């Protein structure tokens, strides 16, 4: 029997997926627990429409992500830090400071949890950080630590 999964089911498939299962499993477990619906022609048509809408949303999101990436790669983000006489900074630069600098200089709000600094930042200079936008969309940006 073919069913359309409404939500993710372990060892079977993901949401909005058409799968073939045994009749008893579908009728006694998946359908009553609202994990799946029967794959009749109207439900299959609804699934196709949902997948089209989802594809359009993903394409729009990818275009927006690419626009943000272009702006971020245009020039390095400058981060001010207090330094000693030898050029070493007090403390280190964190992802929170990078997120604030991106917000102030580039105008985009990026969650600090999505920013991963490649190398530990303890001195003035140029460094790299990786931003994870989700769905396998990662970009590497440059930032410059300058003395205040």
N, C-alpha and C. Protein backbone atom coordinates (compact mmCIF):
# COMPACT_ATOMS: atom_id res chain seq x y z
N UNK A 1 0.85 -1.18 0.00
CA UNK A 1 0.00 0.00 0.00
C UNK A 1 0.89 1.24 0.00
N UNK A 2 0.53 2.22 -0.79
CA UNK A 2 1.30 3.46 -0.83
C UNK A 2 0.65 4.49 0.08
N UNK A 3 1.49 5.17 0.86
CA UNK A 3 1.02 6.23 1.75
C UNK A 3 1.92 7.45 1.59
N UNK A 4 1.37 8.60 1.96
CA UNK A 4 2.13 9.85 1.97
C UNK A 4 2.39 10.19 3.43
N UNK A 5 3.65 10.32 3.79
CA UNK A 5 4.00 10.62 5.18
C UNK A 5 3.71 12.08 5.50
N UNK A 6 3.03 12.30 6.61
CA UNK A 6 2.71 13.66 7.06
C UNK A 6 3.85 14.22 7.91
N UNK A 7 4.55 13.33 8.61
CA UNK A 7 5.70 13.75 9.40
C UNK A 7 6.79 12.69 9.29
N UNK A 8 7.97 13.01 9.77
CA UNK A 8 9.09 12.08 9.69
C UNK A 8 8.81 10.84 10.53
N UNK A 9 9.12 9.67 9.96
CA UNK A 9 8.97 8.39 10.66
C UNK A 9 10.32 7.69 10.58
N UNK A 10 10.85 7.31 11.74
CA UNK A 10 12.16 6.66 11.79
C UNK A 10 12.16 5.39 10.95
N UNK A 11 13.25 5.16 10.26
CA UNK A 11 13.48 3.98 9.42
C UNK A 11 12.45 3.81 8.30
N UNK A 12 11.73 4.87 7.95
CA UNK A 12 10.75 4.78 6.87
C UNK A 12 10.91 5.91 5.87
N UNK A 13 10.90 7.15 6.36
CA UNK A 13 11.05 8.27 5.44
C UNK A 13 10.76 9.59 6.10
N UNK A 14 10.86 10.64 5.31
CA UNK A 14 10.67 11.99 5.81
C UNK A 14 9.31 12.54 5.43
N UNK A 15 9.04 13.72 5.90
CA UNK A 15 7.78 14.41 5.65
C UNK A 15 7.59 14.64 4.15
N UNK A 16 6.33 14.54 3.69
CA UNK A 16 5.96 14.74 2.28
C UNK A 16 6.63 13.73 1.35
N UNK A 17 6.82 12.52 1.81
CA UNK A 17 7.44 11.48 1.01
C UNK A 17 6.41 10.39 0.72
N UNK A 18 6.42 9.86 -0.49
CA UNK A 18 5.53 8.79 -0.90
C UNK A 18 6.27 7.47 -0.70
N UNK A 19 5.75 6.59 0.17
CA UNK A 19 6.42 5.33 0.48
C UNK A 19 5.44 4.17 0.34
N UNK A 20 5.98 2.98 0.12
CA UNK A 20 5.18 1.77 0.04
C UNK A 20 5.42 0.96 1.31
N UNK A 21 4.32 0.61 2.00
CA UNK A 21 4.39 -0.18 3.23
C UNK A 21 3.36 -1.30 3.16
N UNK A 22 3.43 -2.21 4.10
CA UNK A 22 2.44 -3.28 4.15
C UNK A 22 1.09 -2.71 4.60
N UNK A 23 0.02 -3.34 4.15
CA UNK A 23 -1.33 -2.86 4.44
C UNK A 23 -1.60 -2.73 5.93
N UNK A 24 -1.23 -3.73 6.71
CA UNK A 24 -1.50 -3.71 8.15
C UNK A 24 -0.76 -2.58 8.86
N UNK A 25 0.49 -2.35 8.47
CA UNK A 25 1.27 -1.28 9.08
C UNK A 25 0.63 0.08 8.80
N UNK A 26 0.16 0.26 7.58
CA UNK A 26 -0.48 1.53 7.23
C UNK A 26 -1.82 1.69 7.95
N UNK A 27 -2.67 0.68 7.89
CA UNK A 27 -4.02 0.80 8.46
C UNK A 27 -4.04 0.79 9.98
N UNK A 28 -3.15 0.05 10.60
CA UNK A 28 -3.19 -0.10 12.06
C UNK A 28 -2.28 0.85 12.81
N UNK A 29 -1.27 1.41 12.14
CA UNK A 29 -0.32 2.27 12.86
C UNK A 29 -0.19 3.65 12.24
N UNK A 30 0.24 3.73 10.98
CA UNK A 30 0.57 5.02 10.38
C UNK A 30 -0.64 5.94 10.24
N UNK A 31 -1.72 5.45 9.69
CA UNK A 31 -2.89 6.30 9.45
C UNK A 31 -3.60 6.68 10.75
N UNK A 32 -3.88 5.73 11.68
CA UNK A 32 -4.55 6.14 12.94
C UNK A 32 -3.72 7.11 13.79
N UNK A 33 -2.41 6.99 13.77
CA UNK A 33 -1.54 7.88 14.57
C UNK A 33 -1.25 9.19 13.86
N UNK A 34 -1.86 9.39 12.68
CA UNK A 34 -1.71 10.61 11.88
C UNK A 34 -0.26 10.82 11.43
N UNK A 35 0.45 9.72 11.17
CA UNK A 35 1.79 9.80 10.61
C UNK A 35 1.73 9.82 9.09
N UNK A 36 0.62 9.31 8.51
CA UNK A 36 0.52 9.21 7.06
C UNK A 36 -0.94 9.27 6.63
N UNK A 37 -1.14 9.52 5.33
CA UNK A 37 -2.46 9.44 4.71
C UNK A 37 -2.34 8.52 3.51
N UNK A 38 -3.46 7.93 3.11
CA UNK A 38 -3.47 7.03 1.96
C UNK A 38 -3.14 7.82 0.69
N UNK A 39 -2.40 7.19 -0.20
CA UNK A 39 -1.95 7.86 -1.42
C UNK A 39 -2.99 7.70 -2.52
N UNK A 40 -4.17 8.32 -2.36
CA UNK A 40 -5.17 8.31 -3.42
C UNK A 40 -4.88 9.47 -4.37
N UNK A 41 -5.51 9.55 -5.54
CA UNK A 41 -5.15 10.58 -6.52
C UNK A 41 -5.25 12.02 -5.99
N UNK A 42 -6.26 12.33 -5.18
CA UNK A 42 -6.37 13.70 -4.68
C UNK A 42 -5.25 14.04 -3.69
N UNK A 43 -4.88 13.09 -2.84
CA UNK A 43 -3.78 13.33 -1.89
C UNK A 43 -2.44 13.46 -2.61
N UNK A 44 -2.25 12.68 -3.68
CA UNK A 44 -1.02 12.77 -4.46
C UNK A 44 -0.93 14.14 -5.14
N UNK A 45 -2.07 14.61 -5.64
CA UNK A 45 -2.09 15.92 -6.28
C UNK A 45 -1.76 17.03 -5.26
N UNK A 46 -2.32 16.93 -4.06
CA UNK A 46 -2.01 17.90 -3.00
C UNK A 46 -0.53 17.86 -2.65
N UNK A 47 0.04 16.66 -2.61
CA UNK A 47 1.47 16.51 -2.31
C UNK A 47 2.30 17.21 -3.38
N UNK A 48 1.95 17.02 -4.64
CA UNK A 48 2.69 17.68 -5.72
C UNK A 48 2.61 19.20 -5.60
N UNK A 49 1.45 19.73 -5.25
CA UNK A 49 1.30 21.17 -5.06
C UNK A 49 2.15 21.67 -3.90
N UNK A 50 2.14 20.92 -2.79
CA UNK A 50 2.97 21.31 -1.63
C UNK A 50 4.45 21.31 -2.00
N UNK A 51 4.87 20.32 -2.77
CA UNK A 51 6.28 20.26 -3.17
C UNK A 51 6.64 21.40 -4.10
N UNK A 52 5.72 21.82 -4.99
CA UNK A 52 5.98 22.96 -5.87
C UNK A 52 6.14 24.24 -5.05
N UNK A 53 5.22 24.45 -4.10
CA UNK A 53 5.28 25.64 -3.25
C UNK A 53 6.58 25.65 -2.44
N UNK A 54 6.94 24.48 -1.92
CA UNK A 54 8.17 24.38 -1.13
C UNK A 54 9.39 24.68 -1.99
N UNK A 55 9.39 24.21 -3.23
CA UNK A 55 10.52 24.47 -4.13
C UNK A 55 10.63 25.96 -4.44
N UNK A 56 9.50 26.64 -4.62
CA UNK A 56 9.53 28.08 -4.87
C UNK A 56 10.08 28.83 -3.66
N UNK A 57 9.64 28.43 -2.46
CA UNK A 57 10.13 29.09 -1.24
C UNK A 57 11.64 28.89 -1.10
N UNK A 58 12.11 27.67 -1.37
CA UNK A 58 13.55 27.39 -1.26
C UNK A 58 14.35 28.19 -2.29
N UNK A 59 13.80 28.34 -3.49
CA UNK A 59 14.49 29.13 -4.52
C UNK A 59 14.57 30.60 -4.12
N UNK A 60 13.48 31.13 -3.55
CA UNK A 60 13.49 32.53 -3.10
C UNK A 60 14.48 32.70 -1.95
N UNK A 61 14.51 31.74 -1.03
CA UNK A 61 15.42 31.82 0.11
C UNK A 61 16.87 31.73 -0.36
N UNK A 62 17.13 30.87 -1.33
CA UNK A 62 18.49 30.74 -1.86
C UNK A 62 18.94 32.02 -2.54
N UNK A 63 18.03 32.68 -3.26
CA UNK A 63 18.37 33.95 -3.90
C UNK A 63 18.70 35.01 -2.85
N UNK A 64 17.92 35.03 -1.76
CA UNK A 64 18.18 36.00 -0.69
C UNK A 64 19.51 35.70 -0.01
N UNK A 65 19.80 34.42 0.22
CA UNK A 65 21.07 34.04 0.84
C UNK A 65 22.23 34.46 -0.04
N UNK A 66 22.12 34.25 -1.35
CA UNK A 66 23.19 34.63 -2.27
C UNK A 66 23.41 36.14 -2.26
N UNK A 67 22.33 36.91 -2.13
CA UNK A 67 22.45 38.37 -2.05
C UNK A 67 23.22 38.78 -0.78
N UNK A 68 22.88 38.15 0.34
CA UNK A 68 23.56 38.44 1.61
C UNK A 68 25.03 38.06 1.51
N UNK A 69 25.32 36.91 0.89
CA UNK A 69 26.70 36.45 0.76
C UNK A 69 27.53 37.43 -0.06
N UNK A 70 26.95 37.96 -1.14
CA UNK A 70 27.67 38.95 -1.96
C UNK A 70 28.03 40.19 -1.15
N UNK A 71 27.08 40.66 -0.35
CA UNK A 71 27.33 41.85 0.46
C UNK A 71 28.41 41.56 1.51
N UNK A 72 28.36 40.38 2.12
CA UNK A 72 29.34 40.05 3.16
C UNK A 72 30.74 39.86 2.58
N UNK A 73 30.84 39.35 1.37
CA UNK A 73 32.16 39.11 0.77
C UNK A 73 32.72 40.35 0.09
N UNK A 74 31.93 41.39 -0.07
CA UNK A 74 32.39 42.59 -0.77
C UNK A 74 33.60 43.22 -0.08
N UNK A 75 33.53 43.32 1.23
CA UNK A 75 34.65 43.89 1.97
C UNK A 75 34.68 43.26 3.35
N UNK A 76 35.86 43.19 3.97
CA UNK A 76 35.93 42.56 5.29
C UNK A 76 35.23 43.41 6.35
N UNK A 77 34.67 42.73 7.32
CA UNK A 77 34.04 43.40 8.45
C UNK A 77 35.14 43.82 9.41
N UNK A 78 35.05 45.05 9.91
CA UNK A 78 36.07 45.54 10.84
C UNK A 78 35.54 45.45 12.27
N UNK A 79 36.37 44.87 13.15
CA UNK A 79 35.99 44.69 14.54
C UNK A 79 37.05 45.36 15.39
N UNK A 80 36.62 46.27 16.24
CA UNK A 80 37.55 46.97 17.14
C UNK A 80 37.77 46.18 18.40
N UNK A 81 39.01 46.18 18.87
CA UNK A 81 39.35 45.47 20.10
C UNK A 81 40.42 46.27 20.86
N UNK A 82 40.35 46.20 22.15
CA UNK A 82 41.35 46.87 22.97
C UNK A 82 42.62 46.03 22.97
N UNK A 83 43.75 46.74 22.78
CA UNK A 83 45.02 46.02 22.65
C UNK A 83 46.05 46.54 23.64
N UNK A 84 47.03 45.69 23.85
CA UNK A 84 48.18 46.08 24.64
C UNK A 84 49.22 46.72 23.73
N UNK A 85 50.38 46.99 24.25
CA UNK A 85 51.42 47.65 23.46
C UNK A 85 52.03 46.73 22.41
N UNK A 86 51.95 45.42 22.61
CA UNK A 86 52.57 44.47 21.67
C UNK A 86 51.62 44.06 20.54
N UNK A 87 50.39 44.56 20.50
CA UNK A 87 49.46 44.22 19.44
C UNK A 87 48.53 43.07 19.79
N UNK A 88 48.72 42.49 20.97
CA UNK A 88 47.81 41.43 21.40
C UNK A 88 46.57 42.06 22.00
N UNK A 89 45.43 41.44 21.74
CA UNK A 89 44.19 42.01 22.25
C UNK A 89 43.86 41.41 23.62
N UNK A 90 43.12 42.17 24.39
CA UNK A 90 42.67 41.69 25.69
C UNK A 90 41.46 40.78 25.46
N UNK A 91 41.54 39.54 25.88
CA UNK A 91 40.46 38.58 25.62
C UNK A 91 40.58 38.05 24.21
N UNK A 92 39.45 37.81 23.57
CA UNK A 92 39.46 37.37 22.18
C UNK A 92 38.17 37.83 21.51
N UNK A 93 38.16 37.75 20.20
CA UNK A 93 36.98 38.14 19.43
C UNK A 93 36.03 36.95 19.40
N UNK A 94 34.75 37.20 19.67
CA UNK A 94 33.75 36.14 19.70
C UNK A 94 32.77 36.28 18.54
N UNK A 95 31.97 35.26 18.37
CA UNK A 95 30.96 35.29 17.30
C UNK A 95 29.92 36.37 17.57
N UNK A 96 29.68 36.71 18.82
CA UNK A 96 28.74 37.78 19.15
C UNK A 96 29.25 39.12 18.63
N UNK A 97 30.55 39.38 18.78
CA UNK A 97 31.13 40.62 18.27
C UNK A 97 31.05 40.67 16.74
N UNK A 98 31.26 39.53 16.09
CA UNK A 98 31.17 39.48 14.63
C UNK A 98 29.74 39.74 14.19
N UNK A 99 28.76 39.13 14.87
CA UNK A 99 27.35 39.33 14.53
C UNK A 99 26.96 40.80 14.68
N UNK A 100 27.42 41.43 15.75
CA UNK A 100 27.11 42.86 15.95
C UNK A 100 27.77 43.73 14.87
N UNK A 101 29.01 43.39 14.51
CA UNK A 101 29.71 44.16 13.47
C UNK A 101 29.01 44.01 12.12
N UNK A 102 28.53 42.81 11.80
CA UNK A 102 27.80 42.61 10.55
C UNK A 102 26.51 43.41 10.57
N UNK A 103 25.83 43.41 11.70
CA UNK A 103 24.58 44.17 11.81
C UNK A 103 24.84 45.66 11.64
N UNK A 104 25.89 46.18 12.28
CA UNK A 104 26.17 47.61 12.23
C UNK A 104 26.73 48.05 10.87
N UNK A 105 27.62 47.25 10.28
CA UNK A 105 28.30 47.68 9.06
C UNK A 105 27.60 47.25 7.78
N UNK A 106 26.98 46.09 7.78
CA UNK A 106 26.38 45.57 6.56
C UNK A 106 24.85 45.64 6.58
N UNK A 107 24.26 45.75 7.76
CA UNK A 107 22.81 45.87 7.85
C UNK A 107 22.05 44.56 7.86
N UNK A 108 22.72 43.44 8.09
CA UNK A 108 22.04 42.14 8.13
C UNK A 108 22.15 41.55 9.52
N UNK A 109 21.04 41.03 10.00
CA UNK A 109 20.98 40.40 11.32
C UNK A 109 21.27 38.91 11.14
N UNK A 110 22.40 38.45 11.67
CA UNK A 110 22.77 37.03 11.59
C UNK A 110 22.94 36.51 13.00
N UNK A 111 22.32 35.37 13.27
CA UNK A 111 22.38 34.77 14.60
C UNK A 111 23.83 34.38 14.92
N UNK A 112 24.27 34.73 16.10
CA UNK A 112 25.66 34.46 16.48
C UNK A 112 25.96 32.97 16.53
N UNK A 113 24.94 32.13 16.72
CA UNK A 113 25.16 30.69 16.80
C UNK A 113 25.49 30.10 15.43
N UNK A 114 25.21 30.84 14.37
CA UNK A 114 25.50 30.36 13.01
C UNK A 114 26.91 30.75 12.56
N UNK A 115 27.61 31.56 13.35
CA UNK A 115 28.95 32.04 12.99
C UNK A 115 29.99 31.20 13.73
N UNK A 116 30.92 30.64 12.97
CA UNK A 116 32.00 29.83 13.55
C UNK A 116 33.33 30.42 13.13
N UNK A 117 34.14 30.80 14.10
CA UNK A 117 35.44 31.40 13.82
C UNK A 117 36.43 30.27 13.52
N UNK A 118 37.17 30.41 12.41
CA UNK A 118 38.07 29.36 11.96
C UNK A 118 39.28 29.25 12.91
N UNK A 119 39.96 30.36 13.16
CA UNK A 119 41.13 30.36 14.04
C UNK A 119 40.83 31.19 15.27
N UNK A 120 41.52 30.90 16.36
CA UNK A 120 41.35 31.70 17.58
C UNK A 120 41.96 33.08 17.34
N UNK A 121 41.24 34.10 17.75
CA UNK A 121 41.65 35.47 17.48
C UNK A 121 42.23 36.07 18.76
N UNK A 122 43.55 36.28 18.76
CA UNK A 122 44.22 36.85 19.93
C UNK A 122 45.07 38.06 19.60
N UNK A 123 45.25 38.34 18.29
CA UNK A 123 46.08 39.47 17.87
C UNK A 123 45.35 40.26 16.79
N UNK A 124 45.88 41.44 16.48
CA UNK A 124 45.34 42.25 15.40
C UNK A 124 45.63 41.58 14.07
N UNK A 125 44.75 41.76 13.09
CA UNK A 125 45.01 41.21 11.77
C UNK A 125 43.74 40.72 11.10
N UNK A 126 43.91 40.00 9.99
CA UNK A 126 42.79 39.48 9.21
C UNK A 126 42.54 38.02 9.57
N UNK A 127 41.27 37.66 9.71
CA UNK A 127 40.87 36.30 10.06
C UNK A 127 39.66 35.90 9.24
N UNK A 128 39.30 34.63 9.33
CA UNK A 128 38.15 34.12 8.59
C UNK A 128 37.16 33.48 9.55
N UNK A 129 35.87 33.57 9.16
CA UNK A 129 34.80 32.93 9.91
C UNK A 129 33.85 32.28 8.91
N UNK A 130 33.17 31.24 9.33
CA UNK A 130 32.21 30.54 8.49
C UNK A 130 30.82 30.82 9.01
N UNK A 131 29.90 31.13 8.10
CA UNK A 131 28.50 31.35 8.46
C UNK A 131 27.68 30.24 7.84
N UNK A 132 26.89 29.55 8.67
CA UNK A 132 26.04 28.46 8.22
C UNK A 132 24.61 28.98 8.10
N UNK A 133 24.10 29.06 6.87
CA UNK A 133 22.74 29.55 6.65
C UNK A 133 21.72 28.42 6.71
N UNK A 134 22.14 27.18 6.89
CA UNK A 134 21.23 26.04 6.92
C UNK A 134 21.09 25.42 5.54
N UNK A 135 20.60 24.19 5.50
CA UNK A 135 20.39 23.44 4.26
C UNK A 135 21.67 23.33 3.43
N UNK A 136 22.80 23.24 4.09
CA UNK A 136 24.06 23.08 3.38
C UNK A 136 24.61 24.35 2.76
N UNK A 137 24.06 25.49 3.08
CA UNK A 137 24.52 26.76 2.55
C UNK A 137 25.49 27.40 3.54
N UNK A 138 26.77 27.27 3.25
CA UNK A 138 27.82 27.85 4.09
C UNK A 138 28.60 28.86 3.28
N UNK A 139 29.11 29.88 3.96
CA UNK A 139 30.00 30.82 3.29
C UNK A 139 31.09 31.23 4.26
N UNK A 140 32.23 31.56 3.70
CA UNK A 140 33.35 31.99 4.51
C UNK A 140 33.54 33.49 4.30
N UNK A 141 33.60 34.23 5.39
CA UNK A 141 33.79 35.68 5.30
C UNK A 141 35.10 36.06 5.98
N UNK A 142 35.60 37.22 5.61
CA UNK A 142 36.81 37.74 6.23
C UNK A 142 36.43 38.85 7.19
N UNK A 143 37.16 38.93 8.29
CA UNK A 143 36.99 40.06 9.18
C UNK A 143 38.37 40.52 9.66
N UNK A 144 38.44 41.80 9.93
CA UNK A 144 39.71 42.40 10.33
C UNK A 144 39.58 42.93 11.74
N UNK A 145 40.52 42.55 12.58
CA UNK A 145 40.55 43.04 13.96
C UNK A 145 41.49 44.24 14.00
N UNK A 146 40.94 45.38 14.40
CA UNK A 146 41.74 46.60 14.47
C UNK A 146 41.76 47.10 15.91
N UNK A 147 42.78 47.83 16.26
CA UNK A 147 42.91 48.36 17.60
C UNK A 147 42.06 49.59 17.81
N UNK A 148 41.51 49.69 19.01
CA UNK A 148 40.69 50.87 19.34
C UNK A 148 41.53 51.93 20.01
